[in-house]
Amino acid sequence: HSMRDDWSGALAVVESSIARKAIDKATGNRQRGVLKTGIA
């Protein structure tokens, strides 16, 4: 998703990964921050 500038799709993957406990919250927040910076 990131390679295609599909920021909403990338954020959805991060949210899903946090909800499914595939990544911890700190990692998820970092990824959210990186994606939001790309959006900005």
Full PDB file with SEQRES, HELIX, SHEET, SSBOND, CRYST1, ORIGX, SCALE, CONECT and MASTER records, all heavy atoms in Angstrom:
SEQRES   1 A   40  HIS SER MET ARG ASP ASP TRP SER GLY ALA LEU ALA VAL          
SEQRES   2 A   40  VAL GLU SER SER ILE ALA ARG LYS ALA ILE ASP LYS ALA          
SEQRES   3 A   40  THR GLY ASN ARG GLN ARG GLY VAL LEU LYS THR GLY ILE          
SEQRES   4 A   40  ALA                                                          
HELIX    1 AA1 SER A    2  ARG A    4  5                                   3    
HELIX    2 AA2 TRP A    7  ALA A   19  1                                  13    
HELIX    3 AA3 LYS A   25  ILE A   39  1                                  15    
CRYST1    1.000    1.000    1.000  90.00  90.00  90.00 P 1           1          
ORIGX1      1.000000  0.000000  0.000000        0.00000                         
ORIGX2      0.000000  1.000000  0.000000        0.00000                         
ORIGX3      0.000000  0.000000  1.000000        0.00000                         
SCALE1      1.000000  0.000000  0.000000        0.00000                         
SCALE2      0.000000  1.000000  0.000000        0.00000                         
SCALE3      0.000000  0.000000  1.000000        0.00000                         
ATOM      1  N   HIS A   1       0.832  -1.217   0.000  1.00  0.00           N  
ATOM      2  CA  HIS A   1       0.000   0.000   0.000  1.00  0.00           C  
ATOM      3  C   HIS A   1       0.863   1.262   0.000  1.00  0.00           C  
ATOM      4  O   HIS A   1       0.552   2.233  -0.694  1.00  0.00           O  
ATOM      5  CB  HIS A   1      -0.938   0.012   1.210  1.00  0.00           C  
ATOM      6  CG  HIS A   1      -2.031  -1.000   1.131  1.00  0.00           C  
ATOM      7  ND1 HIS A   1      -3.041  -0.948   0.204  1.00  0.00           N  
ATOM      8  CD2 HIS A   1      -2.264  -2.118   1.864  1.00  0.00           C  
ATOM      9  CE1 HIS A   1      -3.860  -1.969   0.367  1.00  0.00           C  
ATOM     10  NE2 HIS A   1      -3.406  -2.701   1.368  1.00  0.00           N  
ATOM     11  N   SER A   2       1.940   1.246   0.758  1.00  0.00           N  
ATOM     12  CA  SER A   2       2.804   2.421   0.845  1.00  0.00           C  
ATOM     13  C   SER A   2       3.472   2.738  -0.488  1.00  0.00           C  
ATOM     14  O   SER A   2       3.590   3.906  -0.868  1.00  0.00           O  
ATOM     15  CB  SER A   2       3.877   2.218   1.922  1.00  0.00           C  
ATOM     16  OG  SER A   2       3.276   2.079   3.178  1.00  0.00           O  
ATOM     17  N   MET A   3       3.902   1.717  -1.200  1.00  0.00           N  
ATOM     18  CA  MET A   3       4.550   1.941  -2.506  1.00  0.00           C  
ATOM     19  C   MET A   3       3.590   2.576  -3.504  1.00  0.00           C  
ATOM     20  O   MET A   3       4.022   3.221  -4.457  1.00  0.00           O  
ATOM     21  CB  MET A   3       5.095   0.626  -3.066  1.00  0.00           C  
ATOM     22  CG  MET A   3       6.324   0.145  -2.339  1.00  0.00           C  
ATOM     23  SD  MET A   3       7.146  -1.342  -2.993  1.00  0.00           S  
ATOM     24  CE  MET A   3       5.991  -2.149  -4.021  1.00  0.00           C  
ATOM     25  N   ARG A   4       2.312   2.402  -3.289  1.00  0.00           N  
ATOM     26  CA  ARG A   4       1.310   2.954  -4.201  1.00  0.00           C  
ATOM     27  C   ARG A   4       0.676   4.236  -3.658  1.00  0.00           C  
ATOM     28  O   ARG A   4      -0.318   4.705  -4.181  1.00  0.00           O  
ATOM     29  CB  ARG A   4       0.243   1.902  -4.471  1.00  0.00           C  
ATOM     30  CG  ARG A   4       0.738   0.833  -5.410  1.00  0.00           C  
ATOM     31  CD  ARG A   4      -0.017  -0.466  -5.296  1.00  0.00           C  
ATOM     32  NE  ARG A   4       0.529  -1.484  -6.170  1.00  0.00           N  
ATOM     33  CZ  ARG A   4       1.687  -2.103  -5.981  1.00  0.00           C  
ATOM     34  NH1 ARG A   4       2.427  -1.798  -4.936  1.00  0.00           N  
ATOM     35  NH2 ARG A   4       2.134  -3.014  -6.822  1.00  0.00           N  
ATOM     36  N   ASP A   5       1.262   4.760  -2.588  1.00  0.00           N  
ATOM     37  CA  ASP A   5       0.714   5.956  -1.923  1.00  0.00           C  
ATOM     38  C   ASP A   5      -0.734   5.757  -1.512  1.00  0.00           C  
ATOM     39  O   ASP A   5      -1.515   6.713  -1.456  1.00  0.00           O  
ATOM     40  CB  ASP A   5       0.842   7.208  -2.804  1.00  0.00           C  
ATOM     41  CG  ASP A   5       2.288   7.628  -2.996  1.00  0.00           C  
ATOM     42  OD1 ASP A   5       3.148   7.232  -2.181  1.00  0.00           O  
ATOM     43  OD2 ASP A   5       2.563   8.366  -3.965  1.00  0.00           O  
ATOM     44  N   ASP A   6      -1.102   4.535  -1.221  1.00  0.00           N  
ATOM     45  CA  ASP A   6      -2.436   4.202  -0.718  1.00  0.00           C  
ATOM     46  C   ASP A   6      -2.376   4.274   0.800  1.00  0.00           C  
ATOM     47  O   ASP A   6      -2.296   3.270   1.496  1.00  0.00           O  
ATOM     48  CB  ASP A   6      -2.851   2.806  -1.190  1.00  0.00           C  
ATOM     49  CG  ASP A   6      -4.197   2.368  -0.628  1.00  0.00           C  
ATOM     50  OD1 ASP A   6      -4.891   3.197   0.001  1.00  0.00           O  
ATOM     51  OD2 ASP A   6      -4.547   1.191  -0.805  1.00  0.00           O  
ATOM     52  N   TRP A   7      -2.393   5.503   1.306  1.00  0.00           N  
ATOM     53  CA  TRP A   7      -2.189   5.726   2.737  1.00  0.00           C  
ATOM     54  C   TRP A   7      -3.328   5.158   3.563  1.00  0.00           C  
ATOM     55  O   TRP A   7      -3.098   4.623   4.644  1.00  0.00           O  
ATOM     56  CB  TRP A   7      -2.001   7.219   3.014  1.00  0.00           C  
ATOM     57  CG  TRP A   7      -0.894   7.815   2.217  1.00  0.00           C  
ATOM     58  CD1 TRP A   7      -0.998   8.788   1.262  1.00  0.00           C  
ATOM     59  CD2 TRP A   7       0.502   7.475   2.264  1.00  0.00           C  
ATOM     60  NE1 TRP A   7       0.236   9.069   0.729  1.00  0.00           N  
ATOM     61  CE2 TRP A   7       1.170   8.280   1.329  1.00  0.00           C  
ATOM     62  CE3 TRP A   7       1.247   6.562   3.008  1.00  0.00           C  
ATOM     63  CZ2 TRP A   7       2.538   8.213   1.119  1.00  0.00           C  
ATOM     64  CZ3 TRP A   7       2.615   6.489   2.801  1.00  0.00           C  
ATOM     65  CH2 TRP A   7       3.246   7.309   1.867  1.00  0.00           C  
ATOM     66  N   SER A   8      -4.560   5.263   3.081  1.00  0.00           N  
ATOM     67  CA  SER A   8      -5.680   4.728   3.861  1.00  0.00           C  
ATOM     68  C   SER A   8      -5.596   3.205   3.946  1.00  0.00           C  
ATOM     69  O   SER A   8      -5.882   2.618   4.994  1.00  0.00           O  
ATOM     70  CB  SER A   8      -7.022   5.178   3.287  1.00  0.00           C  
ATOM     71  OG  SER A   8      -7.167   4.718   1.963  1.00  0.00           O  
ATOM     72  N   GLY A   9      -5.203   2.554   2.859  1.00  0.00           N  
ATOM     73  CA  GLY A   9      -5.018   1.109   2.883  1.00  0.00           C  
ATOM     74  C   GLY A   9      -3.904   0.699   3.826  1.00  0.00           C  
ATOM     75  O   GLY A   9      -4.021  -0.283   4.581  1.00  0.00           O  
ATOM     76  N   ALA A  10      -2.811   1.456   3.824  1.00  0.00           N  
ATOM     77  CA  ALA A  10      -1.684   1.161   4.712  1.00  0.00           C  
ATOM     78  C   ALA A  10      -2.092   1.356   6.174  1.00  0.00           C  
ATOM     79  O   ALA A  10      -1.756   0.528   7.031  1.00  0.00           O  
ATOM     80  CB  ALA A  10      -0.497   2.051   4.362  1.00  0.00           C  
ATOM     81  N   LEU A  11      -2.827   2.431   6.453  1.00  0.00           N  
ATOM     82  CA  LEU A  11      -3.291   2.655   7.827  1.00  0.00           C  
ATOM     83  C   LEU A  11      -4.243   1.545   8.269  1.00  0.00           C  
ATOM     84  O   LEU A  11      -4.199   1.117   9.428  1.00  0.00           O  
ATOM     85  CB  LEU A  11      -3.972   4.023   7.958  1.00  0.00           C  
ATOM     86  CG  LEU A  11      -3.038   5.215   8.085  1.00  0.00           C  
ATOM     87  CD1 LEU A  11      -3.808   6.521   7.935  1.00  0.00           C  
ATOM     88  CD2 LEU A  11      -2.292   5.188   9.403  1.00  0.00           C  
ATOM     89  N   ALA A  12      -5.076   1.071   7.355  1.00  0.00           N  
ATOM     90  CA  ALA A  12      -6.001  -0.027   7.689  1.00  0.00           C  
ATOM     91  C   ALA A  12      -5.232  -1.291   8.053  1.00  0.00           C  
ATOM     92  O   ALA A  12      -5.610  -2.012   8.989  1.00  0.00           O  
ATOM     93  CB  ALA A  12      -6.952  -0.294   6.529  1.00  0.00           C  
ATOM     94  N   VAL A  13      -4.141  -1.555   7.348  1.00  0.00           N  
ATOM     95  CA  VAL A  13      -3.317  -2.724   7.664  1.00  0.00           C  
ATOM     96  C   VAL A  13      -2.705  -2.573   9.060  1.00  0.00           C  
ATOM     97  O   VAL A  13      -2.701  -3.523   9.853  1.00  0.00           O  
ATOM     98  CB  VAL A  13      -2.209  -2.933   6.606  1.00  0.00           C  
ATOM     99  CG1 VAL A  13      -1.200  -3.976   7.065  1.00  0.00           C  
ATOM    100  CG2 VAL A  13      -2.822  -3.335   5.271  1.00  0.00           C  
ATOM    101  N   VAL A  14      -2.217  -1.383   9.374  1.00  0.00           N  
ATOM    102  CA  VAL A  14      -1.620  -1.151  10.701  1.00  0.00           C  
ATOM    103  C   VAL A  14      -2.676  -1.330  11.784  1.00  0.00           C  
ATOM    104  O   VAL A  14      -2.430  -2.008  12.795  1.00  0.00           O  
ATOM    105  CB  VAL A  14      -0.967   0.251  10.792  1.00  0.00           C  
ATOM    106  CG1 VAL A  14      -0.541   0.557  12.219  1.00  0.00           C  
ATOM    107  CG2 VAL A  14       0.219   0.339   9.855  1.00  0.00           C  
ATOM    108  N   GLU A  15      -3.858  -0.751  11.578  1.00  0.00           N  
ATOM    109  CA  GLU A  15      -4.929  -0.880  12.563  1.00  0.00           C  
ATOM    110  C   GLU A  15      -5.308  -2.350  12.763  1.00  0.00           C  
ATOM    111  O   GLU A  15      -5.492  -2.811  13.890  1.00  0.00           O  
ATOM    112  CB  GLU A  15      -6.164  -0.076  12.134  1.00  0.00           C  
ATOM    113  CG  GLU A  15      -5.954   1.420  12.040  1.00  0.00           C  
ATOM    114  CD  GLU A  15      -5.541   2.076  13.343  1.00  0.00           C  
ATOM    115  OE1 GLU A  15      -5.873   1.563  14.432  1.00  0.00           O  
ATOM    116  OE2 GLU A  15      -4.854   3.105  13.277  1.00  0.00           O  
ATOM    117  N   SER A  16      -5.404  -3.070  11.668  1.00  0.00           N  
ATOM    118  CA  SER A  16      -5.735  -4.488  11.739  1.00  0.00           C  
ATOM    119  C   SER A  16      -4.629  -5.270  12.452  1.00  0.00           C  
ATOM    120  O   SER A  16      -4.911  -6.158  13.258  1.00  0.00           O  
ATOM    121  CB  SER A  16      -5.945  -5.037  10.328  1.00  0.00           C  
ATOM    122  OG  SER A  16      -6.094  -6.423  10.352  1.00  0.00           O  
ATOM    123  N   SER A  17      -3.387  -4.939  12.177  1.00  0.00           N  
ATOM    124  CA  SER A  17      -2.263  -5.633  12.817  1.00  0.00           C  
ATOM    125  C   SER A  17      -2.263  -5.407  14.322  1.00  0.00           C  
ATOM    126  O   SER A  17      -1.961  -6.324  15.089  1.00  0.00           O  
ATOM    127  CB  SER A  17      -0.937  -5.162  12.217  1.00  0.00           C  
ATOM    128  OG  SER A  17      -0.828  -5.567  10.873  1.00  0.00           O  
ATOM    129  N   ILE A  18      -2.608  -4.206  14.745  1.00  0.00           N  
ATOM    130  CA  ILE A  18      -2.682  -3.912  16.185  1.00  0.00           C  
ATOM    131  C   ILE A  18      -3.845  -4.695  16.796  1.00  0.00           C  
ATOM    132  O   ILE A  18      -3.684  -5.343  17.831  1.00  0.00           O  
ATOM    133  CB  ILE A  18      -2.847  -2.402  16.432  1.00  0.00           C  
ATOM    134  CG1 ILE A  18      -1.587  -1.649  16.008  1.00  0.00           C  
ATOM    135  CG2 ILE A  18      -3.150  -2.134  17.908  1.00  0.00           C  
ATOM    136  CD1 ILE A  18      -1.756  -0.132  15.975  1.00  0.00           C  
ATOM    137  N   ALA A  19      -5.005  -4.640  16.145  1.00  0.00           N  
ATOM    138  CA  ALA A  19      -6.192  -5.319  16.670  1.00  0.00           C  
ATOM    139  C   ALA A  19      -5.984  -6.823  16.755  1.00  0.00           C  
ATOM    140  O   ALA A  19      -6.449  -7.464  17.703  1.00  0.00           O  
ATOM    141  CB  ALA A  19      -7.412  -5.003  15.802  1.00  0.00           C  
ATOM    142  N   ARG A  20      -5.269  -7.380  15.799  1.00  0.00           N  
ATOM    143  CA  ARG A  20      -5.045  -8.822  15.770  1.00  0.00           C  
ATOM    144  C   ARG A  20      -3.799  -9.227  16.560  1.00  0.00           C  
ATOM    145  O   ARG A  20      -3.422 -10.389  16.559  1.00  0.00           O  
ATOM    146  CB  ARG A  20      -4.923  -9.284  14.320  1.00  0.00           C  
ATOM    147  CG  ARG A  20      -6.204  -9.043  13.528  1.00  0.00           C  
ATOM    148  CD  ARG A  20      -6.019  -9.318  12.068  1.00  0.00           C  
ATOM    149  NE  ARG A  20      -6.020 -10.769  11.842  1.00  0.00           N  
ATOM    150  CZ  ARG A  20      -5.760 -11.313  10.681  1.00  0.00           C  
ATOM    151  NH1 ARG A  20      -5.478 -10.561   9.633  1.00  0.00           N  
ATOM    152  NH2 ARG A  20      -5.782 -12.622  10.548  1.00  0.00           N  
ATOM    153  N   LYS A  21      -3.165  -8.231  17.196  1.00  0.00           N  
ATOM    154  CA  LYS A  21      -1.962  -8.452  18.013  1.00  0.00           C  
ATOM    155  C   LYS A  21      -0.791  -9.018  17.218  1.00  0.00           C  
ATOM    156  O   LYS A  21       0.045  -9.742  17.750  1.00  0.00           O  
ATOM    157  CB  LYS A  21      -2.280  -9.305  19.227  1.00  0.00           C  
ATOM    158  CG  LYS A  21      -3.380  -8.702  20.093  1.00  0.00           C  
ATOM    159  CD  LYS A  21      -3.279  -9.151  21.506  1.00  0.00           C  
ATOM    160  CE  LYS A  21      -4.408  -8.677  22.375  1.00  0.00           C  
ATOM    161  NZ  LYS A  21      -4.787  -7.333  22.382  1.00  0.00           N  
ATOM    162  N   ALA A  22      -0.736  -8.672  15.930  1.00  0.00           N  
ATOM    163  CA  ALA A  22       0.408  -9.061  15.102  1.00  0.00           C  
ATOM    164  C   ALA A  22       1.591  -8.157  15.389  1.00  0.00           C  
ATOM    165  O   ALA A  22       2.739  -8.543  15.200  1.00  0.00           O  
ATOM    166  CB  ALA A  22       0.045  -8.998  13.627  1.00  0.00           C  
ATOM    167  N   ILE A  23       1.293  -6.925  15.839  1.00  0.00           N  
ATOM    168  CA  ILE A  23       2.332  -5.987  16.271  1.00  0.00           C  
ATOM    169  C   ILE A  23       1.881  -5.356  17.576  1.00  0.00           C  
ATOM    170  O   ILE A  23       0.688  -5.281  17.862  1.00  0.00           O  
ATOM    171  CB  ILE A  23       2.624  -4.891  15.211  1.00  0.00           C  
ATOM    172  CG1 ILE A  23       1.359  -4.084  14.874  1.00  0.00           C  
ATOM    173  CG2 ILE A  23       3.242  -5.482  13.967  1.00  0.00           C  
ATOM    174  CD1 ILE A  23       1.605  -2.894  13.966  1.00  0.00           C  
ATOM    175  N   ASP A  24       2.848  -4.899  18.364  1.00  0.00           N  
ATOM    176  CA  ASP A  24       2.483  -4.258  19.628  1.00  0.00           C  
ATOM    177  C   ASP A  24       2.072  -2.813  19.375  1.00  0.00           C  
ATOM    178  O   ASP A  24       2.281  -2.269  18.292  1.00  0.00           O  
ATOM    179  CB  ASP A  24       3.653  -4.336  20.625  1.00  0.00           C  
ATOM    180  CG  ASP A  24       4.894  -3.639  20.109  1.00  0.00           C  
ATOM    181  OD1 ASP A  24       4.931  -2.399  20.119  1.00  0.00           O  
ATOM    182  OD2 ASP A  24       5.835  -4.354  19.697  1.00  0.00           O  
ATOM    183  N   LYS A  25       1.474  -2.213  20.369  1.00  0.00           N  
ATOM    184  CA  LYS A  25       0.924  -0.866  20.218  1.00  0.00           C  
ATOM    185  C   LYS A  25       2.006   0.168  19.903  1.00  0.00           C  
ATOM    186  O   LYS A  25       1.796   1.067  19.090  1.00  0.00           O  
ATOM    187  CB  LYS A  25       0.155  -0.469  21.472  1.00  0.00           C  
ATOM    188  CG  LYS A  25      -0.627   0.801  21.286  1.00  0.00           C  
ATOM    189  CD  LYS A  25      -1.615   1.033  22.388  1.00  0.00           C  
ATOM    190  CE  LYS A  25      -2.360   2.313  22.078  1.00  0.00           C  
ATOM    191  NZ  LYS A  25      -3.666   2.358  22.634  1.00  0.00           N  
ATOM    192  N   ALA A  26       3.181   0.041  20.534  1.00  0.00           N  
ATOM    193  CA  ALA A  26       4.260   1.000  20.280  1.00  0.00           C  
ATOM    194  C   ALA A  26       4.702   0.936  18.810  1.00  0.00           C  
ATOM    195  O   ALA A  26       4.887   1.975  18.164  1.00  0.00           O  
ATOM    196  CB  ALA A  26       5.435   0.730  21.206  1.00  0.00           C  
ATOM    197  N   THR A  27       4.850  -0.264  18.298  1.00  0.00           N  
ATOM    198  CA  THR A  27       5.223  -0.424  16.884  1.00  0.00           C  
ATOM    199  C   THR A  27       4.118   0.116  15.993  1.00  0.00           C  
ATOM    200  O   THR A  27       4.390   0.795  14.996  1.00  0.00           O  
ATOM    201  CB  THR A  27       5.487  -1.915  16.566  1.00  0.00           C  
ATOM    202  OG1 THR A  27       6.541  -2.373  17.413  1.00  0.00           O  
ATOM    203  CG2 THR A  27       5.863  -2.120  15.116  1.00  0.00           C  
ATOM    204  N   GLY A  28       2.879  -0.163  16.352  1.00  0.00           N  
ATOM    205  CA  GLY A  28       1.745   0.345  15.586  1.00  0.00           C  
ATOM    206  C   GLY A  28       1.701   1.864  15.572  1.00  0.00           C  
ATOM    207  O   GLY A  28       1.452   2.477  14.523  1.00  0.00           O  
ATOM    208  N   ASN A  29       1.944   2.481  16.721  1.00  0.00           N  
ATOM    209  CA  ASN A  29       1.958   3.948  16.776  1.00  0.00           C  
ATOM    210  C   ASN A  29       3.080   4.522  15.921  1.00  0.00           C  
ATOM    211  O   ASN A  29       2.898   5.527  15.241  1.00  0.00           O  
ATOM    212  CB  ASN A  29       2.080   4.435  18.217  1.00  0.00           C  
ATOM    213  CG  ASN A  29       0.765   4.345  18.949  1.00  0.00           C  
ATOM    214  OD1 ASN A  29      -0.301   4.244  18.345  1.00  0.00           O  
ATOM    215  ND2 ASN A  29       0.825   4.361  20.266  1.00  0.00           N  
ATOM    216  N   ARG A  30       4.237   3.882  15.953  1.00  0.00           N  
ATOM    217  CA  ARG A  30       5.357   4.328  15.123  1.00  0.00           C  
ATOM    218  C   ARG A  30       4.971   4.234  13.650  1.00  0.00           C  
ATOM    219  O   ARG A  30       5.198   5.162  12.880  1.00  0.00           O  
ATOM    220  CB  ARG A  30       6.591   3.474  15.422  1.00  0.00           C  
ATOM    221  CG  ARG A  30       7.771   3.749  14.541  1.00  0.00           C  
ATOM    222  CD  ARG A  30       8.512   4.936  15.015  1.00  0.00           C  
ATOM    223  NE  ARG A  30       9.668   5.166  14.158  1.00  0.00           N  
ATOM    224  CZ  ARG A  30      10.314   6.263  14.147  1.00  0.00           C  
ATOM    225  NH1 ARG A  30       9.995   7.241  14.965  1.00  0.00           N  
ATOM    226  NH2 ARG A  30      11.338   6.440  13.352  1.00  0.00           N  
ATOM    227  N   GLN A  31       4.381   3.113  13.260  1.00  0.00           N  
ATOM    228  CA  GLN A  31       3.973   2.955  11.862  1.00  0.00           C  
ATOM    229  C   GLN A  31       2.892   3.958  11.484  1.00  0.00           C  
ATOM    230  O   GLN A  31       2.914   4.524  10.386  1.00  0.00           O  
ATOM    231  CB  GLN A  31       3.506   1.520  11.604  1.00  0.00           C  
ATOM    232  CG  GLN A  31       4.635   0.523  11.624  1.00  0.00           C  
ATOM    233  CD  GLN A  31       4.187  -0.907  11.408  1.00  0.00           C  
ATOM    234  OE1 GLN A  31       2.994  -1.227  11.426  1.00  0.00           O  
ATOM    235  NE2 GLN A  31       5.149  -1.788  11.209  1.00  0.00           N  
ATOM    236  N   ARG A  32       1.954   4.191  12.379  1.00  0.00           N  
ATOM    237  CA  ARG A  32       0.923   5.220  12.121  1.00  0.00           C  
ATOM    238  C   ARG A  32       1.577   6.578  11.911  1.00  0.00           C  
ATOM    239  O   ARG A  32       1.195   7.338  11.021  1.00  0.00           O  
ATOM    240  CB  ARG A  32      -0.035   5.323  13.303  1.00  0.00           C  
ATOM    241  CG  ARG A  32      -1.080   4.280  13.397  1.00  0.00           C  
ATOM    242  CD  ARG A  32      -1.987   4.643  14.581  1.00  0.00           C  
ATOM    243  NE  ARG A  32      -2.883   3.594  14.944  1.00  0.00           N  
ATOM    244  CZ  ARG A  32      -3.042   3.139  16.175  1.00  0.00           C  
ATOM    245  NH1 ARG A  32      -2.348   3.640  17.177  1.00  0.00           N  
ATOM    246  NH2 ARG A  32      -3.891   2.186  16.421  1.00  0.00           N  
ATOM    247  N   GLY A  33       2.527   6.900  12.790  1.00  0.00           N  
ATOM    248  CA  GLY A  33       3.223   8.189  12.677  1.00  0.00           C  
ATOM    249  C   GLY A  33       3.947   8.337  11.351  1.00  0.00           C  
ATOM    250  O   GLY A  33       3.889   9.392  10.712  1.00  0.00           O  
ATOM    251  N   VAL A  34       4.632   7.286  10.928  1.00  0.00           N  
ATOM    252  CA  VAL A  34       5.346   7.322   9.654  1.00  0.00           C  
ATOM    253  C   VAL A  34       4.364   7.517   8.504  1.00  0.00           C  
ATOM    254  O   VAL A  34       4.588   8.344   7.606  1.00  0.00           O  
ATOM    255  CB  VAL A  34       6.182   6.033   9.462  1.00  0.00           C  
ATOM    256  CG1 VAL A  34       6.707   5.923   8.039  1.00  0.00           C  
ATOM    257  CG2 VAL A  34       7.329   5.991  10.464  1.00  0.00           C  
ATOM    258  N   LEU A  35       3.270   6.777   8.528  1.00  0.00           N  
ATOM    259  CA  LEU A  35       2.275   6.900   7.460  1.00  0.00           C  
ATOM    260  C   LEU A  35       1.626   8.280   7.453  1.00  0.00           C  
ATOM    261  O   LEU A  35       1.427   8.876   6.391  1.00  0.00           O  
ATOM    262  CB  LEU A  35       1.216   5.808   7.595  1.00  0.00           C  
ATOM    263  CG  LEU A  35       1.715   4.393   7.308  1.00  0.00           C  
ATOM    264  CD1 LEU A  35       0.672   3.363   7.720  1.00  0.00           C  
ATOM    265  CD2 LEU A  35       2.092   4.239   5.840  1.00  0.00           C  
ATOM    266  N   LYS A  36       1.311   8.785   8.627  1.00  0.00           N  
ATOM    267  CA  LYS A  36       0.696  10.115   8.692  1.00  0.00           C  
ATOM    268  C   LYS A  36       1.671  11.192   8.218  1.00  0.00           C  
ATOM    269  O   LYS A  36       1.266  12.176   7.603  1.00  0.00           O  
ATOM    270  CB  LYS A  36       0.177  10.401  10.095  1.00  0.00           C  
ATOM    271  CG  LYS A  36      -1.102   9.619  10.387  1.00  0.00           C  
ATOM    272  CD  LYS A  36      -1.686   9.966  11.725  1.00  0.00           C  
ATOM    273  CE  LYS A  36      -2.938   9.180  11.979  1.00  0.00           C  
ATOM    274  NZ  LYS A  36      -4.130   9.780  11.410  1.00  0.00           N  
ATOM    275  N   THR A  37       2.960  10.995   8.476  1.00  0.00           N  
ATOM    276  CA  THR A  37       3.949  11.932   7.958  1.00  0.00           C  
ATOM    277  C   THR A  37       3.957  11.889   6.434  1.00  0.00           C  
ATOM    278  O   THR A  37       4.005  12.936   5.779  1.00  0.00           O  
ATOM    279  CB  THR A  37       5.348  11.610   8.513  1.00  0.00           C  
ATOM    280  OG1 THR A  37       5.318  11.710   9.936  1.00  0.00           O  
ATOM    281  CG2 THR A  37       6.394  12.566   7.966  1.00  0.00           C  
ATOM    282  N   GLY A  38       3.887  10.699   5.870  1.00  0.00           N  
ATOM    283  CA  GLY A  38       3.799  10.575   4.414  1.00  0.00           C  
ATOM    284  C   GLY A  38       2.570  11.262   3.857  1.00  0.00           C  
ATOM    285  O   GLY A  38       2.633  11.938   2.824  1.00  0.00           O  
ATOM    286  N   ILE A  39       1.456  11.097   4.549  1.00  0.00           N  
ATOM    287  CA  ILE A  39       0.214  11.770   4.120  1.00  0.00           C  
ATOM    288  C   ILE A  39       0.398  13.277   4.177  1.00  0.00           C  
ATOM    289  O   ILE A  39       0.049  13.991   3.233  1.00  0.00           O  
ATOM    290  CB  ILE A  39      -0.971  11.331   5.004  1.00  0.00           C  
ATOM    291  CG1 ILE A  39      -1.276   9.850   4.794  1.00  0.00           C  
ATOM    292  CG2 ILE A  39      -2.205  12.186   4.725  1.00  0.00           C  
ATOM    293  CD1 ILE A  39      -2.236   9.262   5.826  1.00  0.00           C  
ATOM    294  N   ALA A  40       0.948  13.766   5.280  1.00  0.00           N  
ATOM    295  CA  ALA A  40       1.151  15.213   5.443  1.00  0.00           C  
ATOM    296  C   ALA A  40       2.063  15.759   4.348  1.00  0.00           C  
ATOM    297  O   ALA A  40       1.795  16.819   3.772  1.00  0.00           O  
ATOM    298  CB  ALA A  40       1.726  15.514   6.824  1.00  0.00           C  
TER     299      ALA A  40                                                      
MASTER        0    0    0    3    0    0    0    6  298    1    0    4          
END                                                                             
